[in-house]
Every structure is written in structure tokens, then in C-alpha cells.
């Protein structure tokens, strides 16, 4: 969640404004001061996490008129009015229309801060509930899921929920194996384009000689081997989404043509003079820093800035190790269903080894190991031996950190083995109910995710 301790303060009296601002800053509020209503709404959005405090009487647009403008952006932004004695009836009317509260001059600092604190907490809860509702809808919707409970994955999901249905082209950045295509499919499935095609092309896997035909298509006779007309990937994705993986591998000549498509939303097939209108969204993915490539002259700078309107970054698995147990469970269940095999839950000692490993291949490496484990067991999964070697050199983790991680792993594995049953987990671990609940709360474990 963003920091909700923000206040926009509008008052044309400098002495009053300075006094209120200092009072708020002493309570660690971040205050943006305005003397008039001009420019206030430009600072606001559905995600803005603060509170507005405004005098009713302002030069030009009044505080009440500003309140009406704010409601059009988000009616749930707390709006607090500062009133003189003669303005109380107007303030009461504004509260009936949705204003959060009013405070009459002169007022005590404590009364004023109490109102602002309550308003700030209300805004925090409003945004939190909105995000939870969005995430609940997204996680229960058909299509790919982004699994994990670590802060980096929460931030990723929140970012995707806000941009998925906007239609904006998006640049997805992440190391090899982090799940860039999964994120692209997630965006497509949570947009209004989900009823149309999702077309993926790996720019690094297509030879330069056929890249133009692959993307733009061609007419019969356009070149020696063009014996029939071909519809290119761009045209095939019309109405839907085109995913360009490893965009950094695209030849410079194709980058120029792609930029034109992005700007004009139309193309011409090879060998044709007819322009075809396009209605598609382009998602591009890269494992490198395109800005550095553009500065080095190996990637077009104008294309980089055109693609980088919205950018999402996928954290590597080594930065979200607390998700490993959940991901392992998910991949094993998928493999069990796919190969119709039985599989025992991984031992706590083995899981601890997984948590100590750095995963250079990221989520893809973990998924492949889970599949081999389901097919062959621990003995047949050679990678476990390498992972155990890594466990003997656990990096910068302190002893208490390693003990906590091991304790969490034990709890997770037993909850998985007992299919989320609190009673059976208590009995297996020899823990009183309160102790078990305290430890689950400490490690943010939810019994429901372990039910099968």
C-alpha cells in the first residue's frame, strides 16, 4: 500500500496555512500547500492515498466548488472543510453530499489532528479494500494466475490490475525464467481483449531473413518463395494482443517498422500498397535494460520511449524466496494432474534446501524441478544434490534468520501434508492451538491455501 499520510492543504491566509502545515508535519504528514484551488485536481487520482483540507472561502474557485471537482475524480477521497461561523450551514450541506467533516475556526490542534488522522485511516482502508476486491476478482477469474504473497508480487499484481484493461502498450522486464509470458497472458485475460487472439512471437528465435514476413505478412509473389498470401502476426493479432518476447533481439530495420505501427496502428503486407488498419495491443518483454541498449545505439531510443509508457518489473525468485513453498506446491499439483502420478510432499529438510538456493533459472527452474520430482522422486532429481551443496553456503543469512526460515518451512510442509487441518497439524507438530496460530500469524500462513 502507498503511504496514506499525505495532505493537500488549501488556504489563502499565509499565517493560517503555515500554522496548519507545521502542525501536520510534526505528526509526520507530507503536506502539499496551495493558496487557491488551481492545480489541486491535477495531483489526484483513484490511487491517491491522502486527505484534502480546504478553507471554504478561497480566491476564485471556492472550497465547495473544489469539492465537487474532487468527487468527479474519486468521491471517496476524504475532504475536510475549514469554516468560519457563517459557513457552517454550507459545510453541513457538503457533508450530506459526501464531504468527510468540517472544523470551525478557531480550532485546537488536537481536535484538528484527530479529524485528519481518522480521515487518513479511512482513506487507507478504502484503498486497501479496493485493491483486495480487485485482487479477489482477478485471482478467481479464469486464465493464468500470478502466485505469491511476497511484497514484490503484491506490487506486481496491483500494478497489473490497474493497467490490464487500459489498452496501453506495456514493457515487461524480468530475468530469464521469471514468467514474462505468463504476465503478458495475465494482462490479456484481464482485459476487454480476452475474447480475441493472444499472439506470441519470440524475436530472438526468428531468423532476421524472415522476420519482416513473420510480422507483416506478404502477398503472393512478393518474393521468390511467396507462393501464397500470408497473414503476419500483427494482422493475426488484430482485435487482440501481440506479445513480442526478447524485443531486444529485433533487427534495427524491424524496429523502425514496428515504431511506425505503434504510432499509426496500420500496416502494409510485403508486396502490397494497401494499408490495413489495426486495433491491437502490444506487450513487449525484455531481460535486459533497453535504456542502456538505446544509449549504446543497439536499440532505437524512440522505440524504447514508445514502449516504455507503462513498464512492469518482475522480481527474480531469489528476491521472493518466501513464495517458493507455495510455488512448489502449485507446480507439483499441476504435474500430478498432468502426468497422473502420485507424489509425497517434500520433506522439510529438502524444502529448506530449496529456500537456501539462489535459483539462477528463476521460476522456470523451480517448475522443472517440481515436475521431475513428481516423475522421479528425490533420488531421480539430480538437481537436489546441487541445491544441497548451495545450502552449505547460505550467504549472508544470520543464524536466527536461518532458524526462522526452517521453522516456517516445517509449518508450511505440515500444513500441506495435513491439507490445512489445524487439529492434525497441532497433533503432528506437538503444538498447542494458540502456539500454532501465533506462529502462523508470525509467518503470514493461511491454512486455506494448503487445502487440496
Protein backbone atom coordinates (compact mmCIF):
# COMPACT_ATOMS: atom_id res chain seq x y z
CA UNK A 1 0.00 0.00 0.00
CA UNK A 2 1.19 3.54 -0.71
CA UNK A 3 1.84 5.91 2.18
CA UNK A 4 -1.52 7.37 3.20
CA UNK A 5 -0.07 10.16 5.39
CA UNK A 6 -0.44 12.80 2.72
CA UNK A 7 -2.42 16.02 2.99
CA UNK A 8 -3.26 18.65 0.41
CA UNK A 9 -3.86 21.92 2.26
CA UNK A 10 -5.61 24.86 0.56
CA UNK A 11 -5.84 28.20 2.39
CA UNK A 12 -5.10 31.69 1.08
CA UNK A 13 -4.10 33.08 4.50
CA UNK A 14 -0.37 32.52 4.80
CA UNK A 15 -0.23 32.58 8.62
CA UNK A 16 -3.09 30.06 8.93
CA UNK A 17 -1.66 27.84 6.22
CA UNK A 18 1.82 27.81 7.78
CA UNK A 19 0.46 27.01 11.24
CA UNK A 20 -1.67 24.11 9.98
CA UNK A 21 1.15 22.81 7.82
CA UNK A 22 3.62 22.79 10.71
CA UNK A 23 1.10 21.02 12.93
CA UNK A 24 0.64 18.29 10.33
CA UNK A 25 4.35 17.93 9.60
CA UNK A 26 5.07 17.42 13.32
CA UNK A 27 2.76 14.40 13.06
CA UNK A 28 4.76 13.07 10.05
CA UNK A 29 2.22 14.09 7.43
CA UNK A 30 3.55 15.00 3.99
CA UNK A 31 1.86 18.35 3.23
CA UNK A 32 1.38 19.99 -0.18
CA UNK A 33 0.30 23.63 0.24
CA UNK A 34 -1.92 25.62 -2.14
CA UNK A 35 -3.24 29.18 -1.88
CA UNK A 36 -6.06 28.57 -4.37
CA UNK A 37 -7.90 25.57 -5.83
CA UNK A 38 -5.94 25.86 -9.06
CA UNK A 39 -3.76 22.80 -9.74
CA UNK A 40 -5.18 20.66 -6.93
CA UNK A 41 -7.12 18.18 -9.06
CA UNK A 42 -4.05 17.54 -11.22
CA UNK A 43 -2.45 15.92 -8.16
CA UNK A 44 -5.33 13.47 -7.65
CA UNK A 45 -6.21 10.04 -8.98
CA UNK A 46 -8.15 6.95 -7.92
CA UNK A 47 -4.93 5.71 -6.28
CA UNK A 48 -4.04 8.92 -4.46
CA UNK A 49 -3.71 7.98 -0.81
CA UNK A 50 -4.16 11.25 1.06
CA UNK A 51 -6.63 13.71 2.55
CA UNK A 52 -7.70 17.19 1.40
CA UNK A 53 -8.10 20.05 3.87
CA UNK A 54 -9.55 23.22 2.35
CA UNK A 55 -10.92 26.54 3.51
CA UNK A 56 -14.40 27.19 2.14
CA UNK A 57 -13.64 30.77 1.12
CA UNK A 58 -10.87 30.88 -1.46
CA UNK A 59 -9.95 33.34 -4.22
CA UNK A 60 -11.55 32.19 -7.49
CA UNK A 61 -13.00 28.71 -7.12
CA UNK A 62 -14.39 28.11 -3.63
CA UNK A 63 -13.66 25.13 -1.43
CA UNK A 64 -17.16 23.79 -2.11
CA UNK A 65 -16.63 24.03 -5.87
CA UNK A 66 -13.30 22.26 -5.48
CA UNK A 67 -15.07 19.52 -3.50
CA UNK A 68 -17.43 18.93 -6.43
CA UNK A 69 -14.43 18.62 -8.78
CA UNK A 70 -12.72 16.14 -6.45
CA UNK A 71 -15.85 13.96 -6.31
CA UNK A 72 -15.69 13.54 -10.09
CA UNK A 73 -12.20 12.04 -9.73
CA UNK A 74 -12.92 9.90 -6.66
CA UNK A 75 -15.89 10.51 -4.38
CA UNK A 76 -14.13 8.60 -1.58
CA UNK A 77 -11.19 10.98 -1.16
CA UNK A 78 -11.71 12.46 2.34
CA UNK A 79 -12.43 16.18 2.03
CA UNK A 80 -12.27 18.29 5.22
CA UNK A 81 -13.61 21.84 5.17
CA UNK A 82 -12.32 24.70 7.32
CA UNK A 83 -15.19 27.07 8.07
CA UNK A 84 -15.93 30.36 9.70
CA UNK A 85 -19.04 30.73 11.84
CA UNK A 86 -21.14 31.94 8.93
CA UNK A 87 -20.19 28.96 6.73
CA UNK A 88 -21.46 26.15 8.99
CA UNK A 89 -24.74 25.61 7.15
CA UNK A 90 -22.86 25.24 3.85
CA UNK A 91 -20.41 22.81 5.48
CA UNK A 92 -23.24 20.67 6.88
CA UNK A 93 -24.81 20.57 3.43
CA UNK A 94 -21.45 19.49 1.96
CA UNK A 95 -21.22 16.64 4.48
CA UNK A 96 -24.64 15.44 3.31
CA UNK A 97 -23.15 15.47 -0.20
CA UNK A 98 -20.18 13.35 0.85
CA UNK A 99 -17.58 15.62 2.47
CA UNK A 100 -15.75 13.85 5.29
CA UNK A 101 -16.05 16.53 8.01
CA UNK A 102 -15.71 20.22 8.76
CA UNK A 103 -13.89 22.07 11.52
CA UNK A 104 -14.80 25.55 12.64
CA UNK A 105 -12.30 28.35 13.25
CA UNK A 106 -10.75 28.78 15.72
CA UNK A 107 -9.92 25.14 16.48
CA UNK A 108 -7.47 23.31 18.70
CA UNK A 109 -4.58 21.44 17.14
CA UNK A 110 -5.64 18.22 18.84
CA UNK A 111 -9.22 18.38 17.51
CA UNK A 112 -7.92 19.15 14.04
CA UNK A 113 -5.34 16.33 14.10
CA UNK A 114 -7.95 13.86 15.34
CA UNK A 115 -10.14 14.59 12.30
CA UNK A 116 -7.20 14.33 9.89
CA UNK A 117 -5.93 11.08 11.44
CA UNK A 118 -9.37 9.47 11.15
CA UNK A 119 -9.73 10.68 7.58
CA UNK A 120 -6.27 9.36 6.69
CA UNK A 121 -7.04 5.94 8.17
CA UNK A 122 -10.36 5.86 6.29
CA UNK A 123 -8.55 6.54 3.02
CA UNK A 124 -6.01 3.82 3.75
CA UNK A 125 -8.77 1.29 4.40
CA UNK A 126 -10.70 2.40 1.32
CA UNK A 127 -7.71 1.80 -0.96
CA UNK A 128 -6.86 -1.46 0.78
CA UNK A 129 -10.40 -2.78 0.34
CA UNK A 130 -10.48 -1.69 -3.30
CA UNK A 131 -7.24 -3.48 -4.02
CA UNK A 132 -8.38 -6.61 -2.18
CA UNK A 133 -11.62 -6.67 -4.17
CA UNK A 134 -9.71 -6.24 -7.44
CA UNK A 135 -7.27 -8.97 -6.49
CA UNK A 136 -10.07 -11.32 -5.40
CA UNK A 137 -11.81 -10.88 -8.75
CA UNK A 138 -8.53 -11.37 -10.63
CA UNK A 139 -7.49 -14.49 -8.70
CA UNK A 140 -10.92 -16.11 -9.16
CA UNK A 141 -11.14 -15.25 -12.85
CA UNK A 142 -10.28 -17.89 -15.46
CA UNK A 143 -6.86 -17.80 -17.03
CA UNK A 144 -3.29 -17.63 -15.68
CA UNK A 145 -2.58 -16.75 -12.05
CA UNK A 146 0.37 -14.93 -10.60
CA UNK A 147 1.15 -16.88 -7.45
CA UNK A 148 2.88 -15.45 -4.40
CA UNK A 149 2.40 -13.43 -1.24
CA UNK A 150 5.68 -11.53 -1.02
CA UNK A 151 5.64 -7.71 -1.25
CA UNK A 152 7.20 -7.72 -4.73
CA UNK A 153 4.46 -9.97 -6.11
CA UNK A 154 1.75 -7.95 -4.37
CA UNK A 155 3.13 -4.82 -6.04
CA UNK A 156 3.28 -6.59 -9.40
CA UNK A 157 -0.33 -7.78 -9.17
CA UNK A 158 -1.56 -4.36 -8.10
CA UNK A 159 0.25 -2.69 -10.99
CA UNK A 160 -1.20 -5.19 -13.47
CA UNK A 161 -4.74 -4.81 -12.14
CA UNK A 162 -4.54 -1.07 -12.72
CA UNK A 163 -3.21 -1.24 -16.28
CA UNK A 164 -4.60 -4.53 -17.62
CA UNK A 165 -7.77 -3.07 -19.07
CA UNK A 166 -6.45 0.33 -20.12
CA UNK A 167 -5.37 -0.68 -23.61
CA UNK A 168 -1.91 0.85 -23.11
CA UNK A 169 1.11 -0.88 -24.64
CA UNK A 170 3.31 -2.30 -21.88
CA UNK A 171 7.00 -3.13 -21.46
CA UNK A 172 7.60 -6.18 -19.25
CA UNK A 173 11.10 -6.51 -17.80
CA UNK A 174 12.46 -9.51 -15.96
CA UNK A 175 15.27 -12.04 -15.93
CA UNK A 176 15.06 -15.25 -17.95
CA UNK A 177 12.60 -17.66 -16.35
CA UNK A 178 10.70 -15.12 -14.23
CA UNK A 179 7.45 -15.58 -16.17
CA UNK A 180 7.24 -12.72 -18.65
CA UNK A 181 4.86 -14.56 -20.98
CA UNK A 182 2.68 -15.55 -18.02
CA UNK A 183 2.42 -11.86 -17.08
CA UNK A 184 1.58 -10.98 -20.68
CA UNK A 185 -1.18 -13.61 -20.80
CA UNK A 186 -2.46 -12.40 -17.43
CA UNK A 187 -2.75 -8.86 -18.82
CA UNK A 188 -4.57 -10.13 -21.92
CA UNK A 189 -7.00 -12.31 -19.94
CA UNK A 190 -7.87 -9.44 -17.60
CA UNK A 191 -8.58 -7.00 -20.41
CA UNK A 192 -11.53 -6.45 -22.72
CA UNK A 193 -9.46 -8.11 -25.48
CA UNK A 194 -9.60 -11.56 -23.85
CA UNK A 195 -12.19 -12.74 -26.39
CA UNK A 196 -9.70 -12.17 -29.22
CA UNK A 197 -6.35 -13.70 -30.10
CA UNK A 198 -3.25 -13.64 -27.93
CA UNK A 199 -0.37 -13.94 -30.40
CA UNK A 200 3.17 -14.54 -29.11
CA UNK A 201 6.41 -14.32 -31.05
CA UNK A 202 9.95 -14.71 -29.73
CA UNK A 203 12.03 -12.13 -31.58
CA UNK A 204 15.23 -13.96 -30.66
CA UNK A 205 14.05 -17.22 -32.24
CA UNK A 206 13.02 -15.84 -35.65
CA UNK A 207 15.81 -15.50 -38.26
CA UNK A 208 16.33 -11.94 -39.46
CA UNK A 209 15.65 -13.03 -43.05
CA UNK A 210 12.02 -13.93 -42.34
CA UNK A 211 11.24 -11.50 -39.50
CA UNK A 212 9.53 -8.99 -41.80
CA UNK A 213 7.26 -11.61 -43.36
CA UNK A 214 6.55 -13.14 -39.94
CA UNK A 215 5.38 -9.82 -38.50
CA UNK A 216 3.83 -8.08 -41.50
CA UNK A 217 2.81 -10.94 -43.77
CA UNK A 218 3.14 -10.91 -47.54
CA UNK A 219 1.20 -11.12 -50.77
CA UNK A 220 1.56 -13.94 -53.24
CA UNK A 221 4.60 -13.30 -55.42
CA UNK A 222 6.08 -10.67 -53.06
CA UNK A 223 9.40 -12.60 -53.23
CA UNK A 224 10.69 -15.82 -54.78
CA UNK A 225 9.22 -18.31 -52.29
CA UNK A 226 5.97 -16.37 -51.65
CA UNK A 227 3.69 -18.85 -53.41
CA UNK A 228 0.58 -17.87 -51.39
CA UNK A 229 -0.63 -14.92 -49.38
CA UNK A 230 0.42 -14.95 -45.70
CA UNK A 231 -1.18 -13.13 -42.79
CA UNK A 232 1.51 -11.81 -40.42
CA UNK A 233 1.47 -11.88 -36.63
CA UNK A 234 0.49 -8.20 -36.37
CA UNK A 235 -2.58 -8.69 -38.53
CA UNK A 236 -3.44 -12.02 -36.88
CA UNK A 237 -3.49 -10.24 -33.51
CA UNK A 238 -5.98 -7.63 -34.78
CA UNK A 239 -8.57 -7.05 -32.06
CA UNK A 240 -6.39 -8.83 -29.51
CA UNK A 241 -2.87 -8.73 -28.09
CA UNK A 242 0.56 -9.21 -29.68
CA UNK A 243 3.32 -10.34 -27.32
CA UNK A 244 6.87 -9.63 -28.52
CA UNK A 245 9.28 -11.58 -26.33
CA UNK A 246 13.01 -10.74 -26.33
CA UNK A 247 12.26 -7.44 -28.08
CA UNK A 248 15.93 -6.53 -27.68
CA UNK A 249 16.75 -9.14 -30.36
CA UNK A 250 14.62 -7.45 -33.03
CA UNK A 251 16.71 -6.23 -36.02
CA UNK A 252 17.09 -2.46 -36.29
CA UNK A 253 15.19 -2.38 -39.61
CA UNK A 254 12.22 -4.09 -37.97
CA UNK A 255 12.38 -1.71 -35.01
CA UNK A 256 11.79 1.18 -37.42
CA UNK A 257 8.77 -0.53 -38.97
CA UNK A 258 7.38 -1.56 -35.57
CA UNK A 259 7.63 2.02 -34.32
CA UNK A 260 5.53 3.15 -37.27
CA UNK A 261 2.89 0.51 -36.50
CA UNK A 262 2.81 1.61 -32.86
CA UNK A 263 2.27 5.23 -33.86
CA UNK A 264 -0.13 4.76 -36.78
CA UNK A 265 -1.84 1.45 -35.90
CA UNK A 266 -1.74 0.28 -39.51
CA UNK A 267 0.49 -1.85 -41.72
CA UNK A 268 1.16 -2.91 -45.29
CA UNK A 269 1.90 -6.53 -46.19
CA UNK A 270 5.07 -7.18 -48.16
CA UNK A 271 4.29 -6.77 -51.85
CA UNK A 272 1.16 -4.69 -51.21
CA UNK A 273 0.38 -0.98 -51.30
CA UNK A 274 -2.86 -1.41 -49.37
CA UNK A 275 -2.87 -0.07 -45.81
CA UNK A 276 -4.60 -2.26 -43.19
CA UNK A 277 -5.95 -0.64 -40.02
CA UNK A 278 -5.03 -2.38 -36.78
CA UNK A 279 -6.74 -2.50 -33.41
CA UNK A 280 -4.31 -4.34 -31.20
CA UNK A 281 -2.33 -4.02 -28.04
CA UNK A 282 1.40 -4.66 -27.99
CA UNK A 283 3.14 -6.15 -24.97
CA UNK A 284 6.94 -6.30 -25.26
CA UNK A 285 9.24 -8.22 -22.95
CA UNK A 286 12.95 -7.95 -22.31
CA UNK A 287 15.54 -9.48 -19.99
CA UNK A 288 17.96 -6.55 -20.39
CA UNK A 289 17.90 -2.81 -19.78
CA UNK A 290 16.60 -1.34 -23.04
CA UNK A 291 17.59 2.16 -21.95
CA UNK A 292 21.24 1.10 -21.80
CA UNK A 293 20.94 -0.55 -25.21
CA UNK A 294 19.37 2.60 -26.66
CA UNK A 295 22.16 4.73 -25.21
CA UNK A 296 24.66 2.33 -26.79
CA UNK A 297 22.95 2.58 -30.17
CA UNK A 298 21.85 -1.07 -30.43
CA UNK A 299 18.17 -0.36 -29.77
CA UNK A 300 16.20 2.56 -31.13
CA UNK A 301 15.71 5.23 -28.48
CA UNK A 302 12.38 6.40 -29.93
CA UNK A 303 11.01 2.83 -29.86
CA UNK A 304 12.21 2.40 -26.27
CA UNK A 305 10.34 5.51 -25.13
CA UNK A 306 7.26 4.49 -27.13
CA UNK A 307 7.19 1.06 -25.47
CA UNK A 308 8.07 2.39 -22.01
CA UNK A 309 4.83 4.30 -21.45
CA UNK A 310 3.92 1.62 -18.90
CA UNK A 311 6.58 -0.71 -17.52
CA UNK A 312 6.22 -3.60 -15.11
CA UNK A 313 9.17 -5.35 -13.47
CA UNK A 314 9.03 -8.99 -12.41
CA UNK A 315 11.16 -9.76 -9.33
CA UNK A 316 13.57 -12.70 -9.63
CA UNK A 317 12.89 -15.75 -7.48
CA UNK A 318 15.90 -15.06 -5.23
CA UNK A 319 14.13 -11.85 -4.12
CA UNK A 320 10.88 -13.66 -3.27
CA UNK A 321 12.07 -16.82 -1.55
CA UNK A 322 9.11 -16.85 0.81
CA UNK A 323 6.98 -17.75 -2.24
CA UNK A 324 8.99 -20.89 -3.02
CA UNK A 325 6.95 -23.26 -0.84
CA UNK A 326 3.67 -22.04 -2.34
CA UNK A 327 5.03 -22.20 -5.89
CA UNK A 328 6.45 -25.69 -5.30
CA UNK A 329 3.07 -26.90 -4.05
CA UNK A 330 1.34 -25.41 -7.10
CA UNK A 331 3.79 -26.87 -9.63
CA UNK A 332 3.65 -30.30 -8.00
CA UNK A 333 -0.16 -30.33 -8.08
CA UNK A 334 -0.13 -29.33 -11.76
CA UNK A 335 2.39 -32.08 -12.57
CA UNK A 336 0.42 -34.67 -10.57
CA UNK A 337 -2.69 -33.83 -12.61
CA UNK A 338 -0.81 -33.71 -15.92
CA UNK A 339 1.11 -36.97 -15.54
CA UNK A 340 -1.49 -38.76 -13.39
CA UNK A 341 1.11 -39.66 -10.79
CA UNK A 342 1.11 -39.76 -7.01
CA UNK A 343 3.71 -37.72 -5.13
CA UNK A 344 4.67 -37.30 -1.50
CA UNK A 345 5.05 -33.78 -0.04
CA UNK A 346 8.67 -32.69 0.04
CA UNK A 347 10.44 -33.16 3.38
CA UNK A 348 11.09 -30.08 5.48
CA UNK A 349 14.86 -30.59 5.14
CA UNK A 350 14.61 -30.68 1.33
CA UNK A 351 12.34 -27.64 1.29
CA UNK A 352 14.86 -25.80 3.45
CA UNK A 353 17.45 -26.61 0.77
CA UNK A 354 15.20 -25.07 -1.88
CA UNK A 355 14.84 -21.93 0.22
CA UNK A 356 18.62 -21.60 0.53
CA UNK A 357 19.24 -21.88 -3.20
CA UNK A 358 19.64 -18.77 -5.40
CA UNK A 359 17.64 -20.07 -8.41
CA UNK A 360 19.56 -18.61 -11.37
CA UNK A 361 16.88 -20.07 -13.66
CA UNK A 362 14.13 -18.44 -11.57
CA UNK A 363 10.58 -19.81 -11.50
CA UNK A 364 11.14 -21.90 -14.64
CA UNK A 365 13.95 -23.79 -12.89
CA UNK A 366 11.74 -24.41 -9.84
CA UNK A 367 8.85 -25.63 -12.03
CA UNK A 368 11.10 -28.03 -13.95
CA UNK A 369 12.49 -29.46 -10.71
CA UNK A 370 8.95 -29.92 -9.33
CA UNK A 371 7.93 -31.83 -12.47
CA UNK A 372 10.98 -34.09 -12.24
CA UNK A 373 10.27 -34.66 -8.55
CA UNK A 374 6.73 -35.81 -9.33
CA UNK A 375 8.00 -38.10 -12.11
CA UNK A 376 11.15 -39.47 -10.46
CA UNK A 377 11.14 -38.60 -6.75
CA UNK A 378 14.06 -37.14 -4.81
CA UNK A 379 16.50 -39.83 -5.86
CA UNK A 380 15.91 -39.24 -9.55
CA UNK A 381 16.14 -35.46 -9.39
CA UNK A 382 19.85 -34.77 -9.77
CA UNK A 383 19.36 -31.04 -9.15
CA UNK A 384 18.66 -31.70 -5.47
CA UNK A 385 22.32 -32.68 -4.99
CA UNK A 386 23.45 -29.35 -6.43
CA UNK A 387 20.97 -27.44 -4.31
CA UNK A 388 22.17 -29.15 -1.15
CA UNK A 389 25.74 -28.05 -1.97
CA UNK A 390 24.46 -24.48 -2.11
CA UNK A 391 22.80 -24.92 1.30
CA UNK A 392 26.22 -25.33 2.90
CA UNK A 393 26.98 -21.74 1.90
CA UNK A 394 23.79 -19.85 2.85
CA UNK A 395 25.18 -16.41 2.09
CA UNK A 396 24.53 -13.51 4.44
CA UNK A 397 21.64 -15.07 6.41
CA UNK A 398 22.23 -14.95 10.16
CA UNK A 399 21.61 -17.97 12.38
CA UNK A 400 18.29 -16.56 13.72
CA UNK A 401 17.17 -15.88 10.14
CA UNK A 402 18.01 -19.45 9.11
CA UNK A 403 16.17 -20.85 12.14
CA UNK A 404 13.08 -18.77 11.38
CA UNK A 405 13.10 -19.87 7.75
CA UNK A 406 13.45 -23.51 8.80
CA UNK A 407 10.59 -23.16 11.31
CA UNK A 408 8.37 -21.59 8.65
CA UNK A 409 9.24 -24.39 6.24
CA UNK A 410 8.28 -27.03 8.81
CA UNK A 411 4.94 -25.34 9.39
CA UNK A 412 4.24 -24.99 5.67
CA UNK A 413 5.11 -28.58 4.92
CA UNK A 414 2.98 -29.96 7.76
CA UNK A 415 0.02 -27.77 6.78
CA UNK A 416 0.40 -29.09 3.24
CA UNK A 417 0.66 -32.69 4.47
CA UNK A 418 -2.43 -32.26 6.66
CA UNK A 419 -4.31 -30.41 3.89
CA UNK A 420 -4.75 -27.28 6.01
CA UNK A 421 -6.24 -29.08 9.04
CA UNK A 422 -5.30 -27.14 12.18
CA UNK A 423 -6.07 -30.07 14.51
CA UNK A 424 -4.00 -32.58 12.56
CA UNK A 425 -1.13 -30.08 12.24
CA UNK A 426 -1.20 -29.43 16.00
CA UNK A 427 -1.05 -33.17 16.71
CA UNK A 428 1.74 -33.83 14.19
CA UNK A 429 3.95 -30.99 15.47
CA UNK A 430 3.02 -31.36 19.14
CA UNK A 431 1.99 -27.71 19.44
CA UNK A 432 -0.84 -26.16 21.45
CA UNK A 433 -3.51 -24.49 19.30
CA UNK A 434 -2.58 -20.95 20.43
CA UNK A 435 1.13 -21.54 19.73
CA UNK A 436 0.35 -22.83 16.26
CA UNK A 437 -1.90 -19.87 15.49
CA UNK A 438 0.71 -17.44 16.82
CA UNK A 439 3.39 -18.94 14.57
CA UNK A 440 1.06 -18.98 11.56
CA UNK A 441 0.30 -15.31 12.19
CA UNK A 442 4.02 -14.56 12.55
CA UNK A 443 4.80 -16.12 9.17
CA UNK A 444 1.59 -14.97 7.49
CA UNK A 445 0.39 -18.53 6.76
CA UNK A 446 -3.20 -19.13 5.68
CA UNK A 447 -4.47 -22.68 6.21
CA UNK A 448 -6.88 -22.39 3.27
CA UNK A 449 -4.13 -22.28 0.63
CA UNK A 450 -2.90 -25.70 1.76
CA UNK A 451 -6.22 -27.44 1.24
CA UNK A 452 -6.27 -29.79 -1.74
